[in-house]
Protein backbone atom coordinates (compact mmCIF):
# COMPACT_ATOMS: atom_id res chain seq x y z
CA MET A 1 92.32 97.28 123.61
CA ILE A 2 95.39 98.94 125.07
CA LYS A 3 96.78 102.26 126.09
CA ILE A 4 99.79 103.60 124.22
CA LYS A 5 103.21 102.00 124.59
CA PRO A 6 106.45 103.87 123.80
CA ILE A 7 107.97 102.99 120.41
CA ALA A 8 110.36 105.23 118.48
CA LEU A 9 108.68 106.77 115.43
CA ILE A 10 109.31 109.81 113.23
CA LEU A 11 106.31 111.28 111.42
CA THR A 12 106.51 113.96 108.80
CA ALA A 13 103.79 113.56 106.17
CA ILE A 14 100.25 114.71 106.83
CA PHE A 15 97.00 113.22 105.63
CA SER A 16 93.86 115.25 106.21
CA SER A 17 90.35 113.97 105.62
CA SER A 18 89.88 117.00 103.38
CA VAL A 19 92.43 115.56 100.95
CA LEU A 20 89.92 112.86 100.13
CA ALA A 21 87.10 115.31 99.59
CA ASN A 22 87.29 114.64 95.86
CA ASN A 23 84.78 112.69 93.82
CA CYS A 24 85.06 109.04 94.80
CA ILE A 25 82.27 107.83 92.54
CA ASP A 26 83.71 105.41 90.00
CA SER A 27 81.79 103.71 87.20
CA LYS A 28 83.91 100.57 87.69
CA ASP A 29 82.81 100.37 91.32
CA SER A 30 79.72 98.35 90.39
CA PHE A 31 79.67 95.83 93.25
CA ASP A 32 76.01 95.39 94.17
CA ASP A 33 75.81 92.37 96.49
CA TYR A 34 76.51 94.31 99.66
CA ASP A 35 73.50 93.64 101.88
CA ASP A 36 74.39 90.82 104.25
CA THR A 37 71.87 89.32 106.67
CA VAL A 38 71.90 90.31 110.33
CA LYS A 39 71.36 87.22 112.44
CA GLN A 40 69.18 87.48 115.52
CA ALA A 41 72.07 86.22 117.63
CA SER A 42 74.02 89.37 116.68
CA VAL A 43 71.39 91.75 118.09
CA ARG A 44 72.30 93.50 121.34
CA ASP A 45 69.80 96.30 121.90
CA LEU A 46 71.62 98.05 124.75
CA PRO A 47 71.74 101.74 125.74
CA THR A 48 74.43 103.93 124.19
CA GLU A 49 76.30 106.39 126.43
CA TYR A 50 79.33 107.32 124.32
CA TYR A 51 80.97 106.70 120.95
CA VAL A 52 84.19 105.57 119.34
CA LEU A 53 85.36 106.74 115.91
CA SER A 54 87.62 104.02 114.51
CA TYR A 55 90.22 104.46 111.76
CA SER A 56 91.78 101.65 109.74
CA TRP A 57 94.73 101.63 107.35
CA ALA A 58 93.37 100.85 103.87
CA PRO A 59 96.58 99.26 102.47
CA ARG A 60 96.51 96.69 105.27
CA HIS A 61 93.01 95.64 104.25
CA CYS A 62 93.98 95.59 100.58
CA GLU A 63 96.94 93.30 101.24
CA LYS A 64 94.48 90.68 102.46
CA ALA A 65 91.80 91.26 99.81
CA SER A 66 91.55 88.74 97.00
CA ASP A 67 92.47 89.60 93.42
CA ALA A 68 88.85 88.97 92.41
CA ASP A 69 87.56 91.44 94.99
CA LYS A 70 89.99 94.09 93.76
CA ARG A 71 88.98 93.84 90.11
CA PRO A 72 86.44 96.31 88.64
CA GLY A 73 83.06 95.31 89.98
CA GLY A 74 84.62 93.61 92.99
CA GLU A 75 83.86 94.41 96.60
CA ASP A 76 87.24 96.08 97.22
CA TYR A 77 87.85 97.71 93.85
CA LEU A 78 87.27 101.30 94.97
CA GLN A 79 89.39 101.06 98.10
CA CYS A 80 92.20 98.98 96.66
CA ASN A 81 92.48 99.34 92.91
CA SER A 82 90.87 102.57 91.74
CA GLY A 83 94.09 104.59 91.89
CA ARG A 84 92.87 106.84 94.68
CA ASN A 85 95.57 105.74 97.16
CA PHE A 86 93.48 105.67 100.30
CA GLY A 87 95.43 105.75 103.56
CA TYR A 88 93.54 106.02 106.82
CA ILE A 89 89.83 105.59 106.27
CA LEU A 90 86.94 105.69 108.69
CA HIS A 91 86.03 102.16 109.65
CA GLY A 92 83.03 103.39 111.57
CA LEU A 93 81.28 105.41 114.25
CA TRP A 94 80.54 102.90 117.00
CA PRO A 95 78.00 103.42 119.79
CA GLN A 96 79.32 102.13 123.10
CA GLY A 97 77.67 101.00 126.33
CA ARG A 98 77.93 102.33 129.85
CA ILE A 99 80.73 104.78 130.58
CA ASP A 100 81.16 103.44 134.12
CA ASN A 101 81.40 99.83 132.92
CA PRO A 102 83.41 99.72 129.67
CA HIS A 103 82.44 96.91 127.37
CA LYS A 104 83.85 93.44 127.58
CA TYR A 105 83.11 91.51 124.44
CA PRO A 106 80.59 90.12 123.62
CA THR A 107 77.90 91.46 125.96
CA GLY A 108 78.76 95.00 126.97
CA TYR A 109 78.16 97.22 123.93
CA PRO A 110 75.17 97.72 121.64
CA ARG A 111 75.18 96.03 118.25
CA ALA A 112 72.62 95.63 115.44
CA CYS A 113 70.00 97.11 117.75
CA GLU A 114 67.16 96.91 115.23
CA GLY A 115 68.18 93.72 113.48
CA GLU A 116 68.06 93.27 109.72
CA GLN A 117 67.77 96.51 107.73
CA PRO A 118 66.84 97.21 104.10
CA LYS A 119 69.62 97.62 101.59
CA ILE A 120 70.73 101.26 101.41
CA ALA A 121 70.64 102.71 97.90
CA LYS A 122 74.00 103.48 96.33
CA SER A 123 72.74 106.98 95.60
CA VAL A 124 72.63 107.55 99.37
CA LEU A 125 76.01 105.94 100.06
CA GLN A 126 77.96 107.77 97.34
CA LYS A 127 78.31 110.89 99.47
CA TYR A 128 80.38 108.94 102.00
CA LEU A 129 82.69 106.91 99.75
CA CYS A 130 85.68 109.23 100.23
CA MET A 131 85.33 108.69 103.98
CA THR A 132 84.67 104.94 103.83
CA PRO A 133 85.38 103.66 100.31
CA SER A 134 83.20 100.56 100.33
CA VAL A 135 79.43 100.29 99.90
CA SER A 136 79.66 96.91 101.61
CA LEU A 137 81.35 98.36 104.68
CA LEU A 138 78.96 101.31 104.81
CA GLN A 139 75.94 98.99 104.72
CA HIS A 140 77.48 96.85 107.47
CA GLU A 141 78.33 99.86 109.65
CA TYR A 142 74.79 101.18 109.47
CA GLU A 143 73.13 97.85 110.27
CA TYR A 144 75.46 96.98 113.14
CA HIS A 145 76.18 100.44 114.56
CA GLY A 146 73.98 103.13 113.04
CA THR A 147 70.85 101.53 114.43
CA CYS A 148 72.21 101.92 117.97
CA MET A 149 72.61 105.71 118.12
CA HIS A 150 71.39 107.12 121.45
CA ASP A 151 69.21 109.67 119.65
CA GLU A 152 66.59 108.00 117.47
CA SER A 153 66.69 110.97 115.07
CA LEU A 154 70.24 109.91 114.20
CA GLU A 155 69.28 106.34 113.33
CA THR A 156 68.48 106.93 109.66
CA PRO A 157 71.34 106.09 107.28
CA GLN A 158 71.74 109.73 106.23
CA ALA A 159 71.76 111.08 109.79
CA TYR A 160 74.17 108.41 111.00
CA PHE A 161 76.62 108.87 108.15
CA ASP A 162 76.35 112.66 108.22
CA THR A 163 77.32 112.58 111.91
CA ALA A 164 80.26 110.30 111.15
CA LEU A 165 81.33 112.50 108.23
CA ARG A 166 81.24 115.66 110.33
CA LEU A 167 83.49 114.10 112.98
CA HIS A 168 85.74 112.52 110.37
CA GLN A 169 86.33 115.79 108.54
CA SER A 170 87.65 117.38 111.73
CA ASN A 171 90.48 114.84 112.06
CA THR A 172 93.93 114.68 110.47
CA PHE A 173 96.10 111.56 110.11
CA PRO A 174 99.57 111.01 108.64
CA GLU A 175 100.06 109.56 105.18
CA GLN A 176 101.88 106.51 106.53
CA GLN A 177 100.61 103.87 108.90
CA ILE A 178 101.45 104.59 112.53
CA PHE A 179 101.52 102.22 115.48
CA ALA A 180 101.19 102.49 119.26
CA SER A 181 103.74 104.93 120.64
CA ASP A 182 103.97 108.15 122.60
CA LYS A 183 105.33 109.81 119.45
CA SER A 184 102.25 108.75 117.49
CA VAL A 185 99.89 110.20 120.08
CA GLU A 186 101.93 113.40 120.29
CA TRP A 187 101.68 113.74 116.50
CA LEU A 188 97.92 113.23 116.52
CA VAL A 189 97.39 115.77 119.29
CA LYS A 190 99.69 118.31 117.61
CA HIS A 191 97.85 118.07 114.29
CA ASN A 192 94.41 117.82 115.91
CA PRO A 193 94.22 120.55 118.56
CA HIS A 194 90.70 119.46 119.49
CA LEU A 195 92.04 116.07 120.68
CA THR A 196 93.70 115.16 123.96
CA ALA A 197 95.99 112.19 124.53
CA ASP A 198 93.47 110.46 126.81
CA ALA A 199 90.83 110.64 124.05
CA ILE A 200 92.93 108.42 121.78
CA LEU A 201 93.25 104.63 121.83
CA TYR A 202 95.13 102.15 119.68
CA ASP A 203 93.99 98.56 119.20
CA ASN A 204 96.90 96.21 118.60
CA TYR A 205 94.85 93.40 117.08
CA SER A 206 93.13 95.49 114.39
CA GLN A 207 95.89 98.12 114.22
CA GLU A 208 93.16 100.76 114.34
CA TRP A 209 93.19 104.18 115.96
CA ARG A 210 90.12 105.16 117.95
CA ILE A 211 88.84 108.48 119.23
CA CYS A 212 86.26 108.74 122.00
CA TYR A 213 83.25 111.09 122.01
CA ASP A 214 80.50 111.69 124.54
CA SER A 215 76.77 111.54 123.78
CA ASN A 216 76.93 115.10 122.41
CA PHE A 217 79.87 114.15 120.16
CA ALA A 218 82.37 116.20 122.11
CA VAL A 219 85.84 114.66 122.52
CA MET A 220 86.09 112.84 125.85
CA SER A 221 88.59 110.78 127.82
CA CYS A 222 88.28 107.15 126.75
CA PRO A 223 86.88 104.87 129.45
CA LEU A 224 88.08 101.77 127.58
CA LYS A 225 90.97 99.75 128.96
């Protein structure tokens, strides 16, 4: 995890989460084997003090996806081959550990707090497919992150995803992929007046943008380094 480094970049096009507020239910998106098993070794039932909303660039994922996974019925069909042209999507809403001791992998942040969870019905997940166009990813995000919300009333799939959706719909991203630079952060702040530069992080390894929120889901300065 890094702070922003200066790189020249010109941004013009705008992508808003509202653009994807169309119907993302697709009859060819029939992948059903999306409930993996949470191993006991993955469970870290630790307190949550703040949150990170993480955005990934869908075309980057699709470049790595197999042809089989991108065919109708495949795990990545909706995101990669349905013709919806997803750009930045919400990877997840991630509970984090102590604010005064930012996490250092693998022991510092909560994960899979309640272990293995039942498979979430597609009828529940469909509402969130424009935000995160993968039933497999949604199931994973709930099991590994949704079960660690600081407020137990937010630990049901619907409450967790509704919280993520509300935050997601307030954010605007450009249509093209952007990388770590002062210009990128300036663009994000300009097009998201509720954000401040110190609330935004970029992860070089995953090429994901992250926004920090406090326990009340107000934008906060990121404690991560």
